[in-house]
Amino acid sequence: MCVVNLVEKFGADEFLEREWTLPAEVVEPLRGQVDMTPEGWIMNEWPMTAAIAAIVQPWVGEPIDVESGSWFVASAQVD
């Protein structure tokens, strides 16, 4: 098991539509925008803001629509 930081996009039906795994290099820039553990994992789920989008956009395969309310950053356990 390991933990990864993610960008999540939800559809109009509120189901997860797509997610992107973020590299470790975004941890320090994100610390000023979201609560993180000392190990670099995002605590809880955070709605996308313009400041967060500016940090994570290079690793997301489509333009982030901050105004939609469909985009979030979070951490998740993976096998």
PDB file of N, CA and C in Angstrom:
ATOM      1  N   MET A   1       0.834  -1.175   0.000  1.00  0.00           N
ATOM      2  CA  MET A   1       0.000   0.000   0.000  1.00  0.00           C
ATOM      3  C   MET A   1       0.882   1.242   0.000  1.00  0.00           C
ATOM      4  N   CYS A   2       0.464   2.252  -0.758  1.00  0.00           N
ATOM      5  CA  CYS A   2       1.130   3.544  -0.714  1.00  0.00           C
ATOM      6  C   CYS A   2       0.072   4.635  -0.853  1.00  0.00           C
ATOM      7  N   VAL A   3       0.489   5.842  -0.604  1.00  0.00           N
ATOM      8  CA  VAL A   3      -0.424   6.987  -0.690  1.00  0.00           C
ATOM      9  C   VAL A   3       0.043   7.877  -1.825  1.00  0.00           C
ATOM     10  N   VAL A   4      -0.905   8.401  -2.599  1.00  0.00           N
ATOM     11  CA  VAL A   4      -0.591   9.313  -3.696  1.00  0.00           C
ATOM     12  C   VAL A   4      -1.452  10.560  -3.580  1.00  0.00           C
ATOM     13  N   ASN A   5      -0.938  11.677  -4.073  1.00  0.00           N
ATOM     14  CA  ASN A   5      -1.713  12.906  -4.173  1.00  0.00           C
ATOM     15  C   ASN A   5      -2.346  12.944  -5.554  1.00  0.00           C
ATOM     16  N   LEU A   6      -3.602  13.380  -5.607  1.00  0.00           N
ATOM     17  CA  LEU A   6      -4.381  13.314  -6.833  1.00  0.00           C
ATOM     18  C   LEU A   6      -5.088  14.618  -7.144  1.00  0.00           C
ATOM     19  N   VAL A   7      -5.351  14.833  -8.431  1.00  0.00           N
ATOM     20  CA  VAL A   7      -6.351  15.783  -8.889  1.00  0.00           C
ATOM     21  C   VAL A   7      -7.538  14.932  -9.320  1.00  0.00           C
ATOM     22  N   GLU A   8      -8.724  15.290  -8.842  1.00  0.00           N
ATOM     23  CA  GLU A   8      -9.930  14.541  -9.179  1.00  0.00           C
ATOM     24  C   GLU A   8     -10.907  15.447  -9.923  1.00  0.00           C
ATOM     25  N   LYS A   9     -11.536  14.881 -10.940  1.00  0.00           N
ATOM     26  CA  LYS A   9     -12.579  15.597 -11.668  1.00  0.00           C
ATOM     27  C   LYS A   9     -13.866  14.781 -11.563  1.00  0.00           C
ATOM     28  N   PHE A  10     -14.924  15.426 -11.088  1.00  0.00           N
ATOM     29  CA  PHE A  10     -16.212  14.766 -10.945  1.00  0.00           C
ATOM     30  C   PHE A  10     -17.156  15.231 -12.046  1.00  0.00           C
ATOM     31  N   GLY A  11     -18.026  14.341 -12.490  1.00  0.00           N
ATOM     32  CA  GLY A  11     -18.998  14.661 -13.525  1.00  0.00           C
ATOM     33  C   GLY A  11     -20.235  15.321 -12.938  1.00  0.00           C
ATOM     34  N   ALA A  12     -21.168  15.668 -13.796  1.00  0.00           N
ATOM     35  CA  ALA A  12     -22.415  16.309 -13.381  1.00  0.00           C
ATOM     36  C   ALA A  12     -23.214  15.410 -12.436  1.00  0.00           C
ATOM     37  N   ASP A  13     -23.024  14.098 -12.549  1.00  0.00           N
ATOM     38  CA  ASP A  13     -23.710  13.148 -11.680  1.00  0.00           C
ATOM     39  C   ASP A  13     -23.000  12.966 -10.341  1.00  0.00           C
ATOM     40  N   GLU A  14     -21.930  13.720 -10.122  1.00  0.00           N
ATOM     41  CA  GLU A  14     -21.121  13.703  -8.901  1.00  0.00           C
ATOM     42  C   GLU A  14     -20.314  12.427  -8.705  1.00  0.00           C
ATOM     43  N   PHE A  15     -20.182  11.632  -9.757  1.00  0.00           N
ATOM     44  CA  PHE A  15     -19.316  10.460  -9.724  1.00  0.00           C
ATOM     45  C   PHE A  15     -17.949  10.855 -10.270  1.00  0.00           C
ATOM     46  N   LEU A  16     -16.914  10.209  -9.742  1.00  0.00           N
ATOM     47  CA  LEU A  16     -15.559  10.474 -10.212  1.00  0.00           C
ATOM     48  C   LEU A  16     -15.460  10.146 -11.695  1.00  0.00           C
ATOM     49  N   GLU A  17     -15.053  11.136 -12.459  1.00  0.00           N
ATOM     50  CA  GLU A  17     -14.937  10.981 -13.906  1.00  0.00           C
ATOM     51  C   GLU A  17     -13.508  10.647 -14.319  1.00  0.00           C
ATOM     52  N   ARG A  18     -12.547  11.280 -13.661  1.00  0.00           N
ATOM     53  CA  ARG A  18     -11.140  11.089 -14.025  1.00  0.00           C
ATOM     54  C   ARG A  18     -10.266  11.538 -12.867  1.00  0.00           C
ATOM     55  N   GLU A  19      -9.056  10.991 -12.784  1.00  0.00           N
ATOM     56  CA  GLU A  19      -8.092  11.442 -11.778  1.00  0.00           C
ATOM     57  C   GLU A  19      -6.689  11.366 -12.345  1.00  0.00           C
ATOM     58  N   TRP A  20      -5.826  12.223 -11.816  1.00  0.00           N
ATOM     59  CA  TRP A  20      -4.433  12.299 -12.232  1.00  0.00           C
ATOM     60  C   TRP A  20      -3.570  12.230 -10.978  1.00  0.00           C
ATOM     61  N   THR A  21      -2.533  11.416 -11.008  1.00  0.00           N
ATOM     62  CA  THR A  21      -1.589  11.318  -9.903  1.00  0.00           C
ATOM     63  C   THR A  21      -0.567  12.440 -10.034  1.00  0.00           C
ATOM     64  N   LEU A  22      -0.304  13.107  -8.920  1.00  0.00           N
ATOM     65  CA  LEU A  22       0.638  14.227  -8.911  1.00  0.00           C
ATOM     66  C   LEU A  22       2.020  13.756  -8.486  1.00  0.00           C
ATOM     67  N   PRO A  23       3.066  14.338  -9.054  1.00  0.00           N
ATOM     68  CA  PRO A  23       4.431  13.977  -8.666  1.00  0.00           C
ATOM     69  C   PRO A  23       4.808  14.608  -7.326  1.00  0.00           C
ATOM     70  N   ALA A  24       5.839  14.097  -6.712  1.00  0.00           N
ATOM     71  CA  ALA A  24       6.298  14.597  -5.408  1.00  0.00           C
ATOM     72  C   ALA A  24       6.698  16.075  -5.456  1.00  0.00           C
ATOM     73  N   GLU A  25       7.106  16.562  -6.615  1.00  0.00           N
ATOM     74  CA  GLU A  25       7.569  17.951  -6.695  1.00  0.00           C
ATOM     75  C   GLU A  25       6.468  18.988  -6.450  1.00  0.00           C
ATOM     76  N   VAL A  26       5.203  18.585  -6.427  1.00  0.00           N
ATOM     77  CA  VAL A  26       4.138  19.559  -6.138  1.00  0.00           C
ATOM     78  C   VAL A  26       3.855  19.707  -4.650  1.00  0.00           C
ATOM     79  N   VAL A  27       4.431  18.840  -3.829  1.00  0.00           N
ATOM     80  CA  VAL A  27       4.132  18.857  -2.391  1.00  0.00           C
ATOM     81  C   VAL A  27       4.444  20.208  -1.765  1.00  0.00           C
ATOM     82  N   GLU A  28       5.640  20.697  -1.924  1.00  0.00           N
ATOM     83  CA  GLU A  28       6.006  21.968  -1.269  1.00  0.00           C
ATOM     84  C   GLU A  28       5.171  23.144  -1.768  1.00  0.00           C
ATOM     85  N   PRO A  29       4.957  23.304  -3.080  1.00  0.00           N
ATOM     86  CA  PRO A  29       4.090  24.399  -3.513  1.00  0.00           C
ATOM     87  C   PRO A  29       2.655  24.286  -2.980  1.00  0.00           C
ATOM     88  N   LEU A  30       2.149  23.056  -2.829  1.00  0.00           N
ATOM     89  CA  LEU A  30       0.781  22.871  -2.334  1.00  0.00           C
ATOM     90  C   LEU A  30       0.643  23.156  -0.840  1.00  0.00           C
ATOM     91  N   ARG A  31       1.715  23.044  -0.081  1.00  0.00           N
ATOM     92  CA  ARG A  31       1.639  23.247   1.377  1.00  0.00           C
ATOM     93  C   ARG A  31       1.020  24.593   1.752  1.00  0.00           C
ATOM     94  N   GLY A  32       1.226  25.610   0.946  1.00  0.00           N
ATOM     95  CA  GLY A  32       0.649  26.913   1.241  1.00  0.00           C
ATOM     96  C   GLY A  32      -0.816  27.030   0.884  1.00  0.00           C
ATOM     97  N   GLN A  33      -1.373  26.011   0.221  1.00  0.00           N
ATOM     98  CA  GLN A  33      -2.757  26.068  -0.262  1.00  0.00           C
ATOM     99  C   GLN A  33      -3.700  25.100   0.447  1.00  0.00           C
ATOM    100  N   VAL A  34      -3.181  23.973   0.931  1.00  0.00           N
ATOM    101  CA  VAL A  34      -4.007  22.943   1.576  1.00  0.00           C
ATOM    102  C   VAL A  34      -3.294  22.438   2.828  1.00  0.00           C
ATOM    103  N   ASP A  35      -4.028  21.801   3.716  1.00  0.00           N
ATOM    104  CA  ASP A  35      -3.409  21.169   4.882  1.00  0.00           C
ATOM    105  C   ASP A  35      -2.768  19.862   4.441  1.00  0.00           C
ATOM    106  N   MET A  36      -1.517  19.669   4.852  1.00  0.00           N
ATOM    107  CA  MET A  36      -0.788  18.463   4.484  1.00  0.00           C
ATOM    108  C   MET A  36      -0.120  17.855   5.707  1.00  0.00           C
ATOM    109  N   THR A  37       0.093  16.549   5.640  1.00  0.00           N
ATOM    110  CA  THR A  37       0.834  15.868   6.691  1.00  0.00           C
ATOM    111  C   THR A  37       2.313  16.209   6.537  1.00  0.00           C
ATOM    112  N   PRO A  38       3.111  15.968   7.579  1.00  0.00           N
ATOM    113  CA  PRO A  38       4.554  16.177   7.445  1.00  0.00           C
ATOM    114  C   PRO A  38       5.161  15.334   6.317  1.00  0.00           C
ATOM    115  N   GLU A  39       4.533  14.189   6.007  1.00  0.00           N
ATOM    116  CA  GLU A  39       5.027  13.310   4.946  1.00  0.00           C
ATOM    117  C   GLU A  39       4.660  13.792   3.548  1.00  0.00           C
ATOM    118  N   GLY A  40       3.790  14.814   3.458  1.00  0.00           N
ATOM    119  CA  GLY A  40       3.430  15.366   2.160  1.00  0.00           C
ATOM    120  C   GLY A  40       2.118  14.891   1.580  1.00  0.00           C
ATOM    121  N   TRP A  41       1.244  14.310   2.399  1.00  0.00           N
ATOM    122  CA  TRP A  41      -0.053  13.847   1.905  1.00  0.00           C
ATOM    123  C   TRP A  41      -1.109  14.896   2.230  1.00  0.00           C
ATOM    124  N   ILE A  42      -2.024  15.107   1.313  1.00  0.00           N
ATOM    125  CA  ILE A  42      -3.091  16.092   1.483  1.00  0.00           C
ATOM    126  C   ILE A  42      -4.097  15.561   2.491  1.00  0.00           C
ATOM    127  N   MET A  43      -4.404  16.394   3.490  1.00  0.00           N
ATOM    128  CA  MET A  43      -5.401  16.027   4.498  1.00  0.00           C
ATOM    129  C   MET A  43      -6.773  16.467   4.005  1.00  0.00           C
ATOM    130  N   ASN A  44      -7.705  15.530   3.952  1.00  0.00           N
ATOM    131  CA  ASN A  44      -9.059  15.758   3.465  1.00  0.00           C
ATOM    132  C   ASN A  44      -9.053  15.996   1.957  1.00  0.00           C
ATOM    133  N   GLU A  45     -10.158  16.471   1.448  1.00  0.00           N
ATOM    134  CA  GLU A  45     -10.290  16.789   0.027  1.00  0.00           C
ATOM    135  C   GLU A  45     -10.507  18.287  -0.084  1.00  0.00           C
ATOM    136  N   TRP A  46      -9.820  18.929  -1.015  1.00  0.00           N
ATOM    137  CA  TRP A  46      -9.875  20.385  -1.154  1.00  0.00           C
ATOM    138  C   TRP A  46     -10.420  20.766  -2.517  1.00  0.00           C
ATOM    139  N   PRO A  47     -11.379  21.700  -2.558  1.00  0.00           N
ATOM    140  CA  PRO A  47     -11.862  22.171  -3.859  1.00  0.00           C
ATOM    141  C   PRO A  47     -10.769  22.933  -4.596  1.00  0.00           C
ATOM    142  N   MET A  48     -10.796  22.845  -5.886  1.00  0.00           N
ATOM    143  CA  MET A  48      -9.793  23.488  -6.721  1.00  0.00           C
ATOM    144  C   MET A  48      -9.967  25.003  -6.668  1.00  0.00           C
ATOM    145  N   THR A  49      -8.869  25.695  -6.452  1.00  0.00           N
ATOM    146  CA  THR A  49      -8.832  27.153  -6.535  1.00  0.00           C
ATOM    147  C   THR A  49      -7.900  27.527  -7.681  1.00  0.00           C
ATOM    148  N   ALA A  50      -7.903  28.792  -8.048  1.00  0.00           N
ATOM    149  CA  ALA A  50      -7.004  29.237  -9.116  1.00  0.00           C
ATOM    150  C   ALA A  50      -5.551  29.014  -8.727  1.00  0.00           C
ATOM    151  N   ALA A  51      -5.222  29.240  -7.449  1.00  0.00           N
ATOM    152  CA  ALA A  51      -3.842  29.060  -6.987  1.00  0.00           C
ATOM    153  C   ALA A  51      -3.426  27.593  -7.054  1.00  0.00           C
ATOM    154  N   ILE A  52      -4.312  26.684  -6.645  1.00  0.00           N
ATOM    155  CA  ILE A  52      -4.002  25.251  -6.716  1.00  0.00           C
ATOM    156  C   ILE A  52      -3.898  24.814  -8.176  1.00  0.00           C
ATOM    157  N   ALA A  53      -4.821  25.276  -9.003  1.00  0.00           N
ATOM    158  CA  ALA A  53      -4.811  24.903 -10.418  1.00  0.00           C
ATOM    159  C   ALA A  53      -3.506  25.322 -11.088  1.00  0.00           C
ATOM    160  N   ALA A  54      -2.994  26.487 -10.731  1.00  0.00           N
ATOM    161  CA  ALA A  54      -1.732  26.952 -11.322  1.00  0.00           C
ATOM    162  C   ALA A  54      -0.578  26.008 -10.986  1.00  0.00           C
ATOM    163  N   ILE A  55      -0.630  25.386  -9.819  1.00  0.00           N
ATOM    164  CA  ILE A  55       0.424  24.454  -9.393  1.00  0.00           C
ATOM    165  C   ILE A  55       0.300  23.107 -10.096  1.00  0.00           C
ATOM    166  N   VAL A  56      -0.925  22.581 -10.193  1.00  0.00           N
ATOM    167  CA  VAL A  56      -1.110  21.203 -10.662  1.00  0.00           C
ATOM    168  C   VAL A  56      -1.410  21.077 -12.157  1.00  0.00           C
ATOM    169  N   GLN A  57      -1.781  22.163 -12.825  1.00  0.00           N
ATOM    170  CA  GLN A  57      -2.187  22.080 -14.236  1.00  0.00           C
ATOM    171  C   GLN A  57      -1.180  21.363 -15.143  1.00  0.00           C
ATOM    172  N   PRO A  58       0.138  21.536 -14.955  1.00  0.00           N
ATOM    173  CA  PRO A  58       1.073  20.826 -15.852  1.00  0.00           C
ATOM    174  C   PRO A  58       0.940  19.296 -15.833  1.00  0.00           C
ATOM    175  N   TRP A  59       0.331  18.732 -14.801  1.00  0.00           N
ATOM    176  CA  TRP A  59       0.216  17.265 -14.698  1.00  0.00           C
ATOM    177  C   TRP A  59      -1.195  16.776 -14.973  1.00  0.00           C
ATOM    178  N   VAL A  60      -2.069  17.663 -15.409  1.00  0.00           N
ATOM    179  CA  VAL A  60      -3.453  17.302 -15.695  1.00  0.00           C
ATOM    180  C   VAL A  60      -3.659  17.377 -17.210  1.00  0.00           C
ATOM    181  N   GLY A  61      -4.268  16.359 -17.772  1.00  0.00           N
ATOM    182  CA  GLY A  61      -4.380  16.226 -19.218  1.00  0.00           C
ATOM    183  C   GLY A  61      -5.456  17.049 -19.895  1.00  0.00           C
ATOM    184  N   GLU A  62      -6.099  17.932 -19.173  1.00  0.00           N
ATOM    185  CA  GLU A  62      -7.101  18.811 -19.774  1.00  0.00           C
ATOM    186  C   GLU A  62      -7.174  20.096 -18.957  1.00  0.00           C
ATOM    187  N   PRO A  63      -7.708  21.163 -19.526  1.00  0.00           N
ATOM    188  CA  PRO A  63      -7.791  22.421 -18.777  1.00  0.00           C
ATOM    189  C   PRO A  63      -8.678  22.280 -17.536  1.00  0.00           C
ATOM    190  N   ILE A  64      -8.213  22.823 -16.422  1.00  0.00           N
ATOM    191  CA  ILE A  64      -8.978  22.783 -15.173  1.00  0.00           C
ATOM    192  C   ILE A  64      -9.944  23.962 -15.163  1.00  0.00           C
ATOM    193  N   ASP A  65     -11.229  23.663 -14.972  1.00  0.00           N
ATOM    194  CA  ASP A  65     -12.269  24.692 -14.874  1.00  0.00           C
ATOM    195  C   ASP A  65     -12.565  24.923 -13.391  1.00  0.00           C
ATOM    196  N   VAL A  66     -11.893  25.891 -12.816  1.00  0.00           N
ATOM    197  CA  VAL A  66     -12.020  26.165 -11.378  1.00  0.00           C
ATOM    198  C   VAL A  66     -13.461  26.527 -11.012  1.00  0.00           C
ATOM    199  N   GLU A  67     -14.136  27.245 -11.887  1.00  0.00           N
ATOM    200  CA  GLU A  67     -15.494  27.730 -11.606  1.00  0.00           C
ATOM    201  C   GLU A  67     -16.540  26.620 -11.587  1.00  0.00           C
ATOM    202  N   SER A  68     -16.234  25.462 -12.159  1.00  0.00           N
ATOM    203  CA  SER A  68     -17.234  24.388 -12.272  1.00  0.00           C
ATOM    204  C   SER A  68     -17.572  23.732 -10.944  1.00  0.00           C
ATOM    205  N   GLY A  69     -16.655  23.790  -9.979  1.00  0.00           N
ATOM    206  CA  GLY A  69     -16.878  23.095  -8.710  1.00  0.00           C
ATOM    207  C   GLY A  69     -16.714  21.587  -8.806  1.00  0.00           C
ATOM    208  N   SER A  70     -16.203  21.113  -9.925  1.00  0.00           N
ATOM    209  CA  SER A  70     -16.067  19.672 -10.168  1.00  0.00           C
ATOM    210  C   SER A  70     -14.662  19.141  -9.913  1.00  0.00           C
ATOM    211  N   TRP A  71     -13.727  20.018  -9.584  1.00  0.00           N
ATOM    212  CA  TRP A  71     -12.323  19.653  -9.465  1.00  0.00           C
ATOM    213  C   TRP A  71     -11.857  19.746  -8.011  1.00  0.00           C
ATOM    214  N   PHE A  72     -11.043  18.741  -7.589  1.00  0.00           N
ATOM    215  CA  PHE A  72     -10.558  18.682  -6.212  1.00  0.00           C
ATOM    216  C   PHE A  72      -9.134  18.131  -6.197  1.00  0.00           C
ATOM    217  N   VAL A  73      -8.435  18.384  -5.091  1.00  0.00           N
ATOM    218  CA  VAL A  73      -7.172  17.706  -4.827  1.00  0.00           C
ATOM    219  C   VAL A  73      -7.337  16.924  -3.540  1.00  0.00           C
ATOM    220  N   ALA A  74      -6.711  15.771  -3.481  1.00  0.00           N
ATOM    221  CA  ALA A  74      -6.841  14.884  -2.330  1.00  0.00           C
ATOM    222  C   ALA A  74      -5.702  13.873  -2.359  1.00  0.00           C
ATOM    223  N   SER A  75      -5.616  13.069  -1.313  1.00  0.00           N
ATOM    224  CA  SER A  75      -4.707  11.922  -1.269  1.00  0.00           C
ATOM    225  C   SER A  75      -5.530  10.661  -1.184  1.00  0.00           C
ATOM    226  N   ALA A  76      -4.980   9.567  -1.680  1.00  0.00           N
ATOM    227  CA  ALA A  76      -5.677   8.284  -1.634  1.00  0.00           C
ATOM    228  C   ALA A  76      -4.670   7.168  -1.463  1.00  0.00           C
ATOM    229  N   GLN A  77      -5.102   6.103  -0.814  1.00  0.00           N
ATOM    230  CA  GLN A  77      -4.288   4.903  -0.689  1.00  0.00           C
ATOM    231  C   GLN A  77      -4.481   4.045  -1.923  1.00  0.00           C
ATOM    232  N   VAL A  78      -3.377   3.526  -2.439  1.00  0.00           N
ATOM    233  CA  VAL A  78      -3.443   2.631  -3.586  1.00  0.00           C
ATOM    234  C   VAL A  78      -2.625   1.378  -3.262  1.00  0.00           C
ATOM    235  N   ASP A  79      -2.983   0.295  -3.933  1.00  0.00           N
ATOM    236  CA  ASP A  79      -2.260  -0.967  -3.718  1.00  0.00           C
ATOM    237  C   ASP A  79      -1.081  -1.065  -4.634  1.00  0.00           C
TER     238      ASP A  79
END
